[in-house]
Protein backbone atom coordinates (compact mmCIF):
# COMPACT_ATOMS: atom_id res chain seq x y z
CA MET A 1 -4.33 -25.45 -11.10
CA ILE A 2 -3.35 -21.75 -10.54
CA ASP A 3 -5.19 -19.34 -12.81
CA LEU A 4 -4.49 -16.25 -10.86
CA VAL A 5 -1.51 -14.81 -8.90
CA LEU A 6 -1.97 -11.99 -6.64
CA PHE A 7 1.06 -10.19 -5.31
CA ASP A 8 1.58 -7.92 -2.36
CA LEU A 9 3.48 -4.71 -3.38
CA ASP A 10 5.66 -3.25 -0.69
CA ASP A 11 8.60 -5.37 0.16
CA THR A 12 7.30 -8.11 -2.19
CA LEU A 13 7.67 -6.56 -5.78
CA HIS A 14 9.86 -3.48 -4.60
CA ASP A 15 12.01 -2.63 -1.62
CA ASP A 16 9.76 -0.28 0.16
CA THR A 17 11.51 -0.59 3.41
CA GLN A 18 14.71 0.81 1.86
CA ALA A 19 12.84 3.50 0.01
CA CYS A 20 11.29 4.75 3.04
CA LEU A 21 14.47 4.65 5.21
CA LEU A 22 16.39 6.57 2.58
CA ALA A 23 13.79 9.20 1.98
CA GLY A 24 13.21 9.51 5.73
CA MET A 25 16.83 10.13 6.40
CA GLU A 26 17.07 12.66 3.50
CA ALA A 27 14.13 14.55 4.83
CA ALA A 28 15.57 14.48 8.39
CA GLU A 29 18.85 15.91 7.21
CA GLU A 30 16.99 18.84 5.66
CA VAL A 31 15.25 19.52 8.96
CA ALA A 32 18.60 18.97 10.85
CA ARG A 33 20.36 21.64 8.86
CA GLU A 34 17.60 24.12 9.50
CA ARG A 35 17.00 23.39 13.27
CA ASN A 36 20.39 22.19 14.36
CA ILE A 37 19.28 18.76 15.50
CA ASP A 38 20.42 15.20 15.12
CA ALA A 39 19.19 13.84 11.83
CA ARG A 40 19.53 10.34 12.68
CA ARG A 41 17.45 10.63 15.83
CA LEU A 42 14.77 12.29 13.87
CA ALA A 43 14.82 9.75 10.95
CA ASP A 44 14.74 7.03 13.54
CA ALA A 45 11.85 8.60 15.39
CA TYR A 46 9.77 8.83 12.16
CA ALA A 47 10.54 5.17 11.17
CA ARG A 48 9.22 4.05 14.52
CA GLU A 49 5.96 6.25 14.05
CA ALA A 50 5.59 4.74 10.61
CA ALA A 51 6.01 1.18 11.73
CA ARG A 52 3.63 1.69 14.51
CA PHE A 53 0.94 3.07 12.19
CA TRP A 54 1.19 0.25 9.53
CA HIS A 55 1.38 -2.38 12.12
CA GLY A 56 -1.83 -1.18 13.77
CA ILE A 57 -3.79 0.18 10.84
CA SER A 58 -7.48 -0.11 11.21
CA PRO A 59 -10.35 0.08 8.72
CA GLU A 60 -11.36 3.27 10.42
CA GLN A 61 -8.08 4.90 9.49
CA LEU A 62 -8.77 4.20 5.85
CA ARG A 63 -11.28 6.96 5.70
CA THR A 64 -8.41 9.50 6.48
CA LYS A 65 -6.19 10.98 3.80
CA LEU A 66 -2.73 9.28 4.11
CA ALA A 67 -1.21 12.72 3.48
CA HIS A 68 -2.72 13.87 6.89
CA LEU A 69 -1.77 10.61 8.67
CA ARG A 70 1.93 11.01 7.51
CA GLU A 71 1.92 14.65 8.51
CA SER A 72 0.75 13.45 12.05
CA MET A 73 3.61 10.86 12.09
CA TRP A 74 6.23 13.58 11.37
CA GLU A 75 4.67 15.79 13.93
CA ARG A 76 5.04 13.25 16.75
CA ALA A 77 8.58 12.47 15.49
CA LEU A 78 9.57 16.03 15.78
CA ALA A 79 8.03 16.31 19.24
CA GLU A 80 10.41 13.50 20.43
CA LEU A 81 13.08 15.95 19.65
CA GLY A 82 11.39 18.87 21.52
CA ILE A 83 10.08 20.53 18.27
CA VAL A 84 6.45 21.43 18.15
CA ASP A 85 5.73 22.89 14.84
CA PRO A 86 2.83 21.74 12.76
CA ALA A 87 3.88 23.75 9.70
CA LEU A 88 7.36 22.09 9.72
CA ALA A 89 5.76 18.72 10.16
CA ARG A 90 3.51 19.34 7.07
CA ARG A 91 6.42 20.58 4.98
CA THR A 92 8.70 17.59 5.98
CA ALA A 93 5.85 15.17 5.16
CA GLU A 94 5.48 16.63 1.80
CA ARG A 95 9.15 16.61 1.14
CA TYR A 96 9.43 12.89 2.31
CA TYR A 97 6.65 12.02 -0.05
CA LEU A 98 8.41 13.50 -2.97
CA LEU A 99 11.92 12.23 -1.98
CA ARG A 100 10.68 8.64 -1.64
CA LYS A 101 9.69 8.51 -5.42
CA LYS A 102 13.17 8.45 -6.59
CA TYR A 103 13.97 5.31 -4.56
CA PHE A 104 11.08 3.21 -5.98
CA VAL A 105 12.91 0.33 -7.82
CA LEU A 106 11.53 -3.21 -8.53
CA PHE A 107 13.29 -6.11 -7.18
CA PRO A 108 15.56 -7.79 -9.90
CA GLY A 109 13.36 -10.17 -11.99
CA ALA A 110 10.00 -8.79 -10.77
CA LEU A 111 8.67 -7.58 -14.22
CA GLU A 112 10.13 -10.75 -15.91
CA LEU A 113 8.24 -12.92 -13.37
CA LEU A 114 4.95 -11.18 -14.04
CA GLU A 115 5.58 -11.50 -17.86
CA GLU A 116 6.41 -15.16 -17.34
CA GLN A 117 3.25 -15.75 -15.30
CA ARG A 118 1.17 -14.06 -18.00
CA SER A 119 2.61 -16.22 -20.63
CA ARG A 120 1.26 -19.28 -18.71
CA GLY A 121 -2.17 -17.77 -19.13
CA ARG A 122 -2.67 -16.65 -15.55
CA ARG A 123 -4.32 -13.53 -14.57
CA LEU A 124 -2.31 -11.15 -12.23
CA GLY A 125 -3.21 -8.75 -9.50
CA ILE A 126 -1.75 -6.64 -6.84
CA LEU A 127 -3.35 -6.73 -3.49
CA THR A 128 -2.18 -4.09 -0.85
CA ASN A 129 -3.11 -2.43 2.32
CA GLY A 130 -1.63 0.72 0.94
CA PHE A 131 -3.89 3.65 -0.01
CA ALA A 132 -4.86 4.29 -3.65
CA GLU A 133 -4.05 7.97 -2.92
CA THR A 134 -0.31 7.11 -3.17
CA HIS A 135 -0.13 3.51 -4.57
CA VAL A 136 -1.79 4.16 -7.93
CA GLU A 137 1.27 6.59 -8.70
CA LYS A 138 3.80 4.21 -7.19
CA ILE A 139 2.46 1.33 -9.23
CA ALA A 140 2.85 3.55 -12.38
CA LEU A 141 6.25 4.76 -11.42
CA LEU A 142 7.46 1.14 -10.97
CA GLY A 143 6.13 0.27 -14.30
CA LEU A 144 3.51 -2.31 -13.17
CA ALA A 145 0.28 -0.58 -14.31
CA GLU A 146 0.20 -2.53 -17.52
CA ALA A 147 1.75 -5.60 -16.09
CA VAL A 148 -1.20 -6.75 -13.93
CA ASP A 149 -4.93 -7.17 -14.61
CA GLY A 150 -6.19 -5.63 -11.51
CA THR A 151 -5.05 -3.47 -8.45
CA PHE A 152 -6.71 -3.64 -5.02
CA PHE A 153 -6.23 -1.06 -2.37
CA ALA A 154 -7.39 -1.02 1.09
CA ASP A 155 -9.05 2.33 1.21
CA ASP A 156 -10.90 1.71 -2.04
CA THR A 157 -12.50 -1.35 -0.41
CA GLY A 158 -12.62 -0.66 3.21
CA LEU A 159 -10.92 -4.09 3.67
CA LEU A 160 -7.50 -4.85 4.97
CA LYS A 161 -5.30 -7.91 4.80
CA PRO A 162 -5.49 -10.52 6.52
CA ASP A 163 -9.39 -10.23 6.19
CA PRO A 164 -10.10 -13.15 3.90
CA ALA A 165 -12.87 -10.99 2.30
CA PHE A 166 -10.27 -8.77 0.81
CA PHE A 167 -8.63 -11.74 -0.98
CA GLN A 168 -12.05 -13.08 -2.12
CA HIS A 169 -13.05 -9.62 -3.45
CA ALA A 170 -9.84 -9.67 -5.68
CA CYS A 171 -10.70 -13.15 -6.90
CA ASP A 172 -14.19 -12.27 -7.67
CA ARG A 173 -13.25 -9.13 -9.54
CA LEU A 174 -10.70 -11.08 -11.57
CA GLY A 175 -13.16 -13.99 -12.23
CA VAL A 176 -11.15 -16.76 -10.65
CA PRO A 177 -12.32 -18.91 -7.71
CA ALA A 178 -9.97 -18.66 -4.61
CA LYS A 179 -9.14 -22.41 -4.78
CA HIS A 180 -7.53 -21.67 -8.16
CA ALA A 181 -5.66 -18.57 -7.09
CA ALA A 182 -2.22 -18.03 -5.32
CA MET A 183 -0.99 -15.08 -3.12
CA VAL A 184 2.68 -14.04 -2.97
CA GLY A 185 3.62 -11.86 -0.07
CA ASP A 186 6.35 -11.00 2.37
CA ARG A 187 4.19 -10.87 5.66
CA TYR A 188 2.91 -14.13 7.17
CA ASP A 189 0.43 -12.27 9.37
CA ARG A 190 -1.23 -10.31 6.45
CA ASP A 191 -0.44 -11.97 3.20
CA ILE A 192 -0.24 -15.61 4.10
CA ALA A 193 -2.64 -16.08 6.88
CA GLY A 194 -5.30 -14.10 4.84
CA ALA A 195 -4.71 -16.10 1.79
CA LEU A 196 -4.83 -19.49 3.58
CA ALA A 197 -8.16 -18.45 5.39
CA ALA A 198 -9.51 -17.54 1.78
CA GLY A 199 -8.66 -20.98 0.49
CA MET A 200 -5.84 -19.79 -1.82
CA THR A 201 -2.36 -21.22 -2.37
CA ALA A 202 0.07 -19.17 -0.27
CA ILE A 203 3.75 -18.40 -1.10
CA TRP A 204 5.70 -16.77 1.59
CA LEU A 205 8.48 -14.45 0.42
CA ASN A 206 10.25 -14.68 3.72
CA VAL A 207 13.04 -12.16 3.05
CA ARG A 208 13.49 -11.35 6.70
CA GLY A 209 14.10 -14.95 7.75
CA GLU A 210 11.17 -14.89 10.31
CA ARG A 211 9.94 -17.94 12.03
CA LEU A 212 6.52 -19.42 11.41
CA PRO A 213 4.16 -18.16 14.27
CA ALA A 214 3.44 -20.87 16.78
CA ASP A 215 0.50 -23.12 15.84
CA ALA A 216 0.14 -21.27 12.56
CA PRO A 217 -0.83 -23.26 9.42
CA PRO A 218 2.29 -23.51 7.00
CA PRO A 219 2.23 -21.71 3.66
CA HIS A 220 2.34 -24.03 0.51
CA ALA A 221 5.86 -22.75 -0.05
CA THR A 222 8.44 -20.51 1.63
CA VAL A 223 11.26 -18.85 -0.40
CA THR A 224 13.98 -16.49 0.99
CA ALA A 225 14.65 -14.56 -2.22
CA PHE A 226 12.37 -13.26 -5.06
CA SER A 227 14.39 -15.43 -7.54
CA GLY A 228 12.60 -18.44 -6.00
CA VAL A 229 9.02 -17.30 -6.37
CA GLY A 230 8.52 -18.58 -9.90
CA ARG A 231 9.70 -22.03 -9.08
CA ALA A 232 7.56 -22.06 -6.04
CA LEU A 233 4.52 -21.28 -8.03
CA GLU A 234 5.06 -23.99 -10.54
CA THR A 235 5.59 -26.42 -7.91
CA ALA A 236 2.45 -25.54 -6.15
CA ALA A 237 0.53 -25.48 -9.38
CA ALA A 238 1.75 -29.05 -10.00
CA ARG A 239 0.80 -30.36 -6.76
CA SER A 240 -2.73 -28.88 -7.11
CA ARG A 241 -3.15 -30.63 -10.39
CA ASN A 242 -2.02 -33.95 -9.10
CA GLY A 243 -3.89 -33.53 -5.74
């Protein structure tokens, strides 16, 4: 039985990677025109800084405003090209944040899947390592605010995936035991490992074709495209009823 489905947000319900790359390139091109530098080198440097930050994010960093953290990322990216200009880094970070919004688009079928899951009487939630500072607005722009019953942000709770306490917190708030809840996400190390540790059903949206980590427990289902998520949830629900 599955009475609650939690979804990761970035690269699960929408293509955040593409939005970040496009906005990063556009922001870098603006700087390149002003400073006569290689826009691609700057965009790539920022992408590396952002990937490093999100890969290694810690609970301590949740106490810092994301705007300040992003400004520091641009400052380091500019420094790679020999530019030390905190004011430019701040301005570029602000432009990047604004530019990114126009690239926020749901994956095809995302809203329809949420509606279909609700029609089955399931509660829905979004569980993200993102900051409420930016993700509340993102969820609204994507048209998801009214499509789910709860949203759970890392900085609001002081918790990060894959900590099973974060998953349990969402289940508790939505009134469903973890054993009757499912998690859908694109990252094994965060979404799937954490859900399994919390005793939830785990659906891995493996859009990057990654291999299961060595000796890692497998998810209950793996799909390679968003279109397969609904079927995977129903198969998992049937197995839990029969098991």
